[in-house]
């Protein structure tokens, strides 16, 4: 029996773009056959938010338009009926993941490989990320030949170089984190592949508290430089308007982040075996 794991309502009144008054409210419910067994669900993730999953289903219910007297009441009734699912916090995974007997590989252009039997995400015009069978992926020769040595071509015939230059180093870093044994086997088959020299964690988002302290700095959107000491973030050039002191009177600012604060890695030495990555 399927369990409702996520739900939401599209309300035309809240749409970013102006909608016709005849547009109807729509309720979406996501259900899963085995959430208690799914590794992704345990992490607060679900591929169904953007992908097809053979272990789940999506159902859509169409409500009333804004011209109908039951427009608002239908929305409230839907949210009340699916209360737990509407309150659920699930996100689409952002990195390589194993779940059930499948593998989620969120890198572009891999879906163009006609020699892979995809569960989802195949073809030029698919907007879904590739999902393949775990039984295929666990073979180092499959990963070597069909993923890291694949050279996708555009519709006009030219090679898409970004795949090898950007996506494969990222994929290999994910693989090293997720399955070190398989990574070592793949590397042994491809000792001269340039992607191994381009692997880096710089630019990836990670939980701040899981990074090594006192290494490198972090720069915020306003150009202020911060240093992490393991408990606090310090800055000597932070400026806060409306503070009790004039900005020129501030020598140093100290902030204590909440648990689970997310930052972008700026130095590979900030990473350790316990670092928790978001992407």
Protein backbone atom coordinates (compact mmCIF):
# COMPACT_ATOMS: atom_id res chain seq x y z
CA UNK A 1 0.00 0.00 0.00
CA UNK A 2 1.35 3.42 -0.95
CA UNK A 3 1.94 6.12 1.63
CA UNK A 4 1.47 9.81 0.94
CA UNK A 5 4.86 11.46 1.46
CA UNK A 6 4.44 14.92 -0.08
CA UNK A 7 1.67 17.21 -1.31
CA UNK A 8 1.18 20.79 -2.42
CA UNK A 9 -1.46 23.03 -3.97
CA UNK A 10 -1.07 25.32 -6.94
CA UNK A 11 -3.14 28.43 -6.28
CA UNK A 12 -3.50 30.65 -9.38
CA UNK A 13 -3.90 33.68 -7.10
CA UNK A 14 -0.31 33.21 -5.90
CA UNK A 15 1.20 32.64 -9.32
CA UNK A 16 4.22 34.75 -10.28
CA UNK A 17 2.56 35.48 -13.61
CA UNK A 18 -0.94 36.79 -14.08
CA UNK A 19 -3.46 33.99 -14.60
CA UNK A 20 -6.91 33.92 -16.17
CA UNK A 21 -9.80 33.84 -13.73
CA UNK A 22 -10.83 30.55 -15.30
CA UNK A 23 -7.61 28.85 -14.13
CA UNK A 24 -8.36 26.19 -11.54
CA UNK A 25 -6.54 25.37 -8.33
CA UNK A 26 -4.65 22.09 -8.56
CA UNK A 27 -3.61 19.68 -5.83
CA UNK A 28 -0.61 17.38 -6.22
CA UNK A 29 0.00 14.28 -4.10
CA UNK A 30 3.17 12.15 -4.17
CA UNK A 31 2.94 8.60 -2.83
CA UNK A 32 5.60 5.94 -2.20
CA UNK A 33 5.34 2.16 -1.96
CA UNK A 34 8.28 1.75 0.41
CA UNK A 35 9.40 4.99 2.11
CA UNK A 36 10.70 3.07 5.13
CA UNK A 37 13.21 1.29 2.85
CA UNK A 38 14.29 4.26 0.73
CA UNK A 39 17.69 5.76 1.58
CA UNK A 40 16.74 9.08 -0.01
CA UNK A 41 13.52 9.49 1.97
CA UNK A 42 15.48 8.95 5.18
CA UNK A 43 17.60 11.97 4.19
CA UNK A 44 14.60 14.16 3.40
CA UNK A 45 15.02 13.72 -0.36
CA UNK A 46 12.85 12.29 -3.12
CA UNK A 47 13.54 12.03 -6.85
CA UNK A 48 9.83 12.22 -7.68
CA UNK A 49 9.81 15.97 -7.25
CA UNK A 50 11.38 16.21 -10.72
CA UNK A 51 11.85 12.62 -11.88
CA UNK A 52 9.95 9.42 -12.49
CA UNK A 53 10.39 6.76 -9.81
CA UNK A 54 9.14 3.16 -10.27
CA UNK A 55 8.45 2.94 -6.54
CA UNK A 56 6.11 5.92 -6.39
CA UNK A 57 3.31 7.76 -8.08
CA UNK A 58 2.01 11.30 -8.56
CA UNK A 59 -1.67 12.16 -8.55
CA UNK A 60 -3.27 15.44 -9.54
CA UNK A 61 -6.67 16.70 -8.45
CA UNK A 62 -8.25 19.69 -10.16
CA UNK A 63 -10.30 22.04 -8.03
CA UNK A 64 -12.30 25.19 -8.73
CA UNK A 65 -11.49 28.44 -10.49
CA UNK A 66 -11.42 31.81 -8.74
CA UNK A 67 -14.89 32.52 -10.14
CA UNK A 68 -16.37 29.68 -8.08
CA UNK A 69 -17.61 30.18 -4.53
CA UNK A 70 -15.88 26.96 -3.46
CA UNK A 71 -12.44 28.06 -4.71
CA UNK A 72 -10.94 28.83 -1.28
CA UNK A 73 -12.81 26.14 0.64
CA UNK A 74 -11.60 23.46 -1.80
CA UNK A 75 -7.97 24.49 -1.22
CA UNK A 76 -8.38 24.38 2.56
CA UNK A 77 -10.16 21.02 2.38
CA UNK A 78 -7.40 19.56 0.20
CA UNK A 79 -4.67 20.77 2.56
CA UNK A 80 -6.56 19.45 5.57
CA UNK A 81 -7.17 16.06 3.93
CA UNK A 82 -3.47 15.71 3.07
CA UNK A 83 -2.18 17.60 6.12
CA UNK A 84 0.82 15.41 6.91
CA UNK A 85 1.95 15.28 3.28
CA UNK A 86 1.53 19.04 2.86
CA UNK A 87 3.68 19.65 5.92
CA UNK A 88 6.41 17.27 4.75
CA UNK A 89 9.75 18.82 3.82
CA UNK A 90 11.27 16.92 0.91
CA UNK A 91 13.79 18.17 -1.63
CA UNK A 92 15.17 16.86 -4.90
CA UNK A 93 18.64 15.35 -4.30
CA UNK A 94 21.50 17.42 -5.70
CA UNK A 95 24.30 14.87 -5.96
CA UNK A 96 25.00 11.25 -6.86
CA UNK A 97 22.82 8.99 -4.70
CA UNK A 98 22.00 5.30 -4.27
CA UNK A 99 18.38 4.45 -3.46
CA UNK A 100 16.63 1.10 -3.49
CA UNK A 101 18.17 -0.74 -6.48
CA UNK A 102 18.72 2.46 -8.47
CA UNK A 103 21.31 5.23 -8.88
CA UNK A 104 20.48 8.92 -9.32
CA UNK A 105 23.12 10.78 -11.40
CA UNK A 106 22.31 14.53 -11.67
CA UNK A 107 24.78 15.51 -14.39
CA UNK A 108 23.70 16.98 -17.75
CA UNK A 109 24.29 15.31 -21.13
CA UNK A 110 24.67 11.76 -19.73
CA UNK A 111 21.12 11.08 -20.91
CA UNK A 112 22.38 11.35 -24.51
CA UNK A 113 24.23 8.05 -24.19
CA UNK A 114 22.18 5.61 -26.25
CA UNK A 115 24.12 2.62 -24.87
CA UNK A 116 22.73 3.02 -21.35
CA UNK A 117 19.43 1.51 -20.30
CA UNK A 118 17.98 4.43 -18.35
CA UNK A 119 15.14 4.15 -15.87
CA UNK A 120 14.56 7.89 -16.43
CA UNK A 121 16.29 10.91 -17.95
CA UNK A 122 17.06 9.63 -21.43
CA UNK A 123 17.28 11.73 -24.59
CA UNK A 124 17.95 15.22 -25.87
CA UNK A 125 14.65 16.65 -24.74
CA UNK A 126 14.35 15.12 -21.29
CA UNK A 127 14.51 17.64 -18.44
CA UNK A 128 14.87 14.83 -15.88
CA UNK A 129 18.21 13.78 -14.45
CA UNK A 130 19.43 10.27 -15.34
CA UNK A 131 18.51 7.30 -13.18
CA UNK A 132 20.11 3.90 -13.89
CA UNK A 133 19.97 0.43 -12.38
CA UNK A 134 22.34 -0.24 -9.48
CA UNK A 135 23.21 -3.62 -11.03
CA UNK A 136 24.67 -1.79 -14.05
CA UNK A 137 26.36 0.97 -12.10
CA UNK A 138 28.20 -1.35 -9.69
CA UNK A 139 30.37 -2.52 -12.60
CA UNK A 140 33.53 -0.40 -12.90
CA UNK A 141 33.71 -1.12 -16.63
CA UNK A 142 30.22 0.34 -17.08
CA UNK A 143 31.14 3.51 -15.17
CA UNK A 144 34.41 3.79 -17.09
CA UNK A 145 33.08 3.22 -20.59
CA UNK A 146 29.55 4.60 -20.44
CA UNK A 147 30.02 7.57 -18.08
CA UNK A 148 33.54 8.95 -17.69
CA UNK A 149 34.70 8.12 -21.23
CA UNK A 150 31.46 9.10 -22.91
CA UNK A 151 31.67 12.11 -25.26
CA UNK A 152 28.17 13.53 -25.87
CA UNK A 153 27.42 15.38 -29.07
CA UNK A 154 25.01 18.24 -29.70
CA UNK A 155 22.17 17.93 -32.20
CA UNK A 156 24.34 19.67 -34.80
CA UNK A 157 27.11 17.12 -34.28
CA UNK A 158 29.73 19.00 -32.23
CA UNK A 159 31.22 17.48 -29.07
CA UNK A 160 29.87 18.94 -25.82
CA UNK A 161 33.19 19.58 -24.08
CA UNK A 162 31.63 20.80 -20.81
CA UNK A 163 30.70 17.20 -20.05
CA UNK A 164 34.34 16.10 -19.78
CA UNK A 165 35.69 19.42 -18.50
CA UNK A 166 33.15 20.13 -15.74
CA UNK A 167 30.72 17.30 -15.18
CA UNK A 168 33.03 14.27 -15.01
CA UNK A 169 35.36 15.75 -12.32
CA UNK A 170 32.24 16.55 -10.29
CA UNK A 171 30.87 13.05 -10.84
CA UNK A 172 34.16 11.46 -9.77
CA UNK A 173 34.21 13.52 -6.57
CA UNK A 174 30.68 12.36 -5.79
CA UNK A 175 31.65 8.76 -6.53
CA UNK A 176 34.67 8.97 -4.24
CA UNK A 177 32.43 10.21 -1.41
CA UNK A 178 29.66 7.68 -1.98
CA UNK A 179 31.53 4.51 -2.98
CA UNK A 180 35.32 4.74 -2.45
CA UNK A 181 35.88 1.11 -3.47
CA UNK A 182 34.16 1.57 -6.83
CA UNK A 183 36.01 4.87 -7.30
CA UNK A 184 39.36 3.13 -6.82
CA UNK A 185 38.44 0.46 -9.37
CA UNK A 186 37.37 3.08 -11.91
CA UNK A 187 40.55 5.06 -11.35
CA UNK A 188 42.65 1.91 -11.83
CA UNK A 189 41.04 1.44 -15.23
CA UNK A 190 41.67 5.08 -16.19
CA UNK A 191 44.97 6.14 -14.57
CA UNK A 192 45.63 8.85 -17.18
CA UNK A 193 42.18 10.37 -17.36
CA UNK A 194 42.54 14.14 -16.87
CA UNK A 195 39.30 14.40 -14.89
CA UNK A 196 40.99 12.83 -11.85
CA UNK A 197 43.41 15.77 -11.68
CA UNK A 198 40.54 18.27 -11.78
CA UNK A 199 38.58 16.87 -8.86
CA UNK A 200 37.83 19.42 -6.17
CA UNK A 201 35.32 20.16 -3.43
CA UNK A 202 35.72 23.92 -3.84
CA UNK A 203 32.37 25.46 -4.72
CA UNK A 204 30.30 22.67 -3.21
CA UNK A 205 27.80 23.49 -0.48
CA UNK A 206 28.38 21.83 2.87
CA UNK A 207 27.29 21.99 6.51
CA UNK A 208 29.57 24.58 8.13
CA UNK A 209 29.92 22.71 11.44
CA UNK A 210 31.35 19.67 9.61
CA UNK A 211 34.23 21.62 8.03
CA UNK A 212 37.74 21.96 9.46
CA UNK A 213 38.11 25.29 11.33
CA UNK A 214 40.69 28.03 10.79
CA UNK A 215 41.37 27.11 7.16
CA UNK A 216 40.69 29.58 4.38
CA UNK A 217 37.98 32.24 4.48
CA UNK A 218 34.39 32.68 3.36
CA UNK A 219 33.16 35.73 1.44
CA UNK A 220 29.53 36.81 1.70
CA UNK A 221 27.43 38.48 -1.00
CA UNK A 222 28.62 41.93 0.11
CA UNK A 223 32.32 41.06 -0.07
CA UNK A 224 32.80 40.71 3.69
CA UNK A 225 35.42 38.13 4.67
CA UNK A 226 34.67 35.61 7.42
CA UNK A 227 36.80 33.05 9.24
CA UNK A 228 35.37 29.92 10.91
CA UNK A 229 36.95 28.86 14.21
CA UNK A 230 34.74 25.84 14.85
CA UNK A 231 32.15 27.74 16.89
CA UNK A 232 31.97 31.32 15.59
CA UNK A 233 32.37 33.18 12.30
CA UNK A 234 34.64 36.22 12.60
CA UNK A 235 35.01 39.21 10.31
CA UNK A 236 37.20 42.31 10.57
CA UNK A 237 35.63 44.13 7.63
CA UNK A 238 31.93 43.53 8.29
CA UNK A 239 29.68 46.58 8.19
CA UNK A 240 26.13 46.58 9.56
CA UNK A 241 23.96 49.61 8.96
CA UNK A 242 21.72 50.58 11.86
CA UNK A 243 24.08 49.08 14.44
CA UNK A 244 24.55 50.76 17.83
CA UNK A 245 28.08 51.75 16.75
CA UNK A 246 29.22 53.62 13.70
CA UNK A 247 30.61 51.31 11.05
CA UNK A 248 34.08 52.84 11.36
CA UNK A 249 34.03 52.01 15.08
CA UNK A 250 33.58 48.27 14.47
CA UNK A 251 36.88 46.37 14.57
CA UNK A 252 35.53 42.82 14.52
CA UNK A 253 32.18 41.05 14.27
CA UNK A 254 31.41 37.60 15.64
CA UNK A 255 28.43 35.44 14.64
CA UNK A 256 27.33 32.07 16.01
CA UNK A 257 25.68 30.08 13.21
CA UNK A 258 22.75 27.79 13.86
CA UNK A 259 23.26 24.04 13.56
CA UNK A 260 23.14 22.95 9.95
CA UNK A 261 24.27 26.29 8.49
CA UNK A 262 25.30 25.91 4.85
CA UNK A 263 28.33 27.51 3.18
CA UNK A 264 30.33 27.00 0.00
CA UNK A 265 33.66 25.25 0.42
CA UNK A 266 36.53 27.60 -0.51
CA UNK A 267 39.51 25.34 0.20
CA UNK A 268 39.85 21.56 -0.19
CA UNK A 269 41.64 21.43 3.18
CA UNK A 270 38.40 22.50 4.86
CA UNK A 271 36.96 19.08 4.02
CA UNK A 272 37.35 15.98 6.22
CA UNK A 273 35.86 12.49 6.35
CA UNK A 274 32.86 13.76 8.35
CA UNK A 275 32.00 16.67 6.07
CA UNK A 276 28.32 16.63 5.06
CA UNK A 277 27.75 17.91 1.54
CA UNK A 278 24.50 19.28 0.15
CA UNK A 279 25.50 19.01 -3.51
